[in-house]
Amino acid sequence: MSNFIKLTEIKEISQRWPSNIKKYILDEVMVNSSKIVTLRDGSFFKKEMKMHKGWPSGLDERIVLTEILLNLNGEGNIIYAVGDFENITKKIGVGNG
């Protein structure tokens, strides 16, 4: 399990009605670091949360998110992790360059 790292993921929870309101929650997730393809700024997802006013409990617009693209059996899967590039890359074990 040495390739696994623990991250805090932020994700949308389904809501049937009203459909224009979105809610988001925090969840701990174990990620196989060898499956990470790219890391990107998560500001697009952050703008969506701000637009829907669905901040997870205890968080606000100061939160920093990183978009992580995972390769799972040839399929791309995106998760949004709490933290900036520097902190995420440290957890993954990638150097400063």
Protein backbone atom coordinates (compact mmCIF):
# COMPACT_ATOMS: atom_id res chain seq x y z
CA MET A 1 0.00 0.00 0.00
CA SER A 2 2.98 2.34 -0.21
CA ASN A 3 1.60 3.98 -3.38
CA PHE A 4 -1.54 5.08 -1.58
CA ILE A 5 -1.98 8.58 -0.18
CA LYS A 6 -4.84 9.99 1.87
CA LEU A 7 -6.52 13.12 0.52
CA THR A 8 -9.60 15.10 1.42
CA GLU A 9 -11.96 15.11 -1.54
CA ILE A 10 -14.75 17.58 -2.08
CA LYS A 11 -17.69 16.28 -4.10
CA GLU A 12 -21.21 17.13 -5.07
CA ILE A 13 -24.03 15.22 -3.44
CA SER A 14 -27.16 14.46 -5.42
CA GLN A 15 -30.25 16.43 -4.70
CA ARG A 16 -33.52 15.83 -6.50
CA TRP A 17 -35.42 18.96 -5.60
CA PRO A 18 -34.92 21.84 -6.07
CA SER A 19 -32.58 20.90 -8.89
CA ASN A 20 -30.90 24.32 -9.07
CA ILE A 21 -29.39 23.95 -5.59
CA LYS A 22 -26.22 21.94 -5.20
CA LYS A 23 -24.57 20.74 -2.01
CA TYR A 24 -21.01 19.58 -1.52
CA ILE A 25 -19.38 17.40 1.13
CA LEU A 26 -15.88 16.52 2.26
CA ASP A 27 -14.75 12.92 2.26
CA GLU A 28 -11.44 11.19 2.94
CA VAL A 29 -10.19 9.16 0.00
CA MET A 30 -7.18 6.88 -0.54
CA VAL A 31 -5.61 7.47 -3.96
CA ASN A 32 -3.07 5.24 -5.70
CA SER A 33 -0.45 7.84 -6.60
CA SER A 34 0.75 5.75 -9.56
CA LYS A 35 -2.66 6.33 -11.20
CA ILE A 36 -2.40 10.15 -11.14
CA VAL A 37 -2.12 11.56 -14.67
CA THR A 38 -2.37 15.33 -14.12
CA LEU A 39 -2.83 17.94 -11.42
CA ARG A 40 -4.59 21.21 -12.23
CA ASP A 41 -5.91 24.26 -10.47
CA GLY A 42 -9.40 23.50 -9.16
CA SER A 43 -10.76 27.04 -9.45
CA PHE A 44 -13.45 26.05 -12.00
CA PHE A 45 -15.04 23.68 -9.47
CA LYS A 46 -14.63 26.32 -6.78
CA LYS A 47 -16.52 28.85 -8.95
CA GLU A 48 -19.33 26.33 -9.38
CA MET A 49 -19.59 25.86 -5.61
CA LYS A 50 -19.62 29.62 -5.11
CA MET A 51 -22.36 30.05 -7.72
CA HIS A 52 -24.55 27.43 -6.02
CA LYS A 53 -23.63 28.55 -2.49
CA GLY A 54 -23.05 24.95 -1.55
CA TRP A 55 -19.92 25.18 0.60
CA PRO A 56 -19.34 22.18 2.83
CA SER A 57 -19.89 22.89 6.49
CA GLY A 58 -17.10 25.01 7.96
CA LEU A 59 -15.59 26.05 4.61
CA ASP A 60 -15.88 29.19 2.52
CA GLU A 61 -14.39 30.74 -0.62
CA ARG A 62 -10.88 30.79 0.87
CA ILE A 63 -10.59 27.05 0.18
CA VAL A 64 -7.93 26.00 -2.34
CA LEU A 65 -8.69 23.01 -4.57
CA THR A 66 -6.62 20.86 -6.90
CA GLU A 67 -8.17 18.89 -9.76
CA ILE A 68 -6.66 15.41 -10.01
CA LEU A 69 -7.10 13.27 -13.11
CA LEU A 70 -6.77 9.56 -12.40
CA ASN A 71 -6.30 6.81 -14.99
CA LEU A 72 -8.46 3.91 -13.90
CA ASN A 73 -8.31 1.02 -16.38
CA GLY A 74 -8.04 3.41 -19.33
CA GLU A 75 -10.87 5.61 -18.07
CA GLY A 76 -10.28 9.13 -16.82
CA ASN A 77 -11.77 9.99 -13.43
CA ILE A 78 -11.51 13.47 -11.91
CA ILE A 79 -11.52 14.21 -8.21
CA TYR A 80 -11.11 17.56 -6.46
CA ALA A 81 -8.80 17.51 -3.46
CA VAL A 82 -8.53 20.14 -0.77
CA GLY A 83 -5.07 21.73 -0.94
CA ASP A 84 -2.79 23.54 -3.33
CA PHE A 85 -0.33 22.05 -5.84
CA GLU A 86 2.59 22.25 -3.42
CA ASN A 87 0.87 20.30 -0.64
CA ILE A 88 -0.60 17.71 -3.01
CA THR A 89 2.74 17.11 -4.76
CA LYS A 90 4.44 16.70 -1.36
CA LYS A 91 1.90 14.03 -0.44
CA ILE A 92 2.46 12.29 -3.79
CA GLY A 93 6.20 12.43 -3.28
CA VAL A 94 7.03 14.58 -6.31
CA GLY A 95 10.00 16.95 -6.08
CA ASN A 96 9.85 20.73 -6.35
CA GLY A 97 10.53 20.74 -10.10
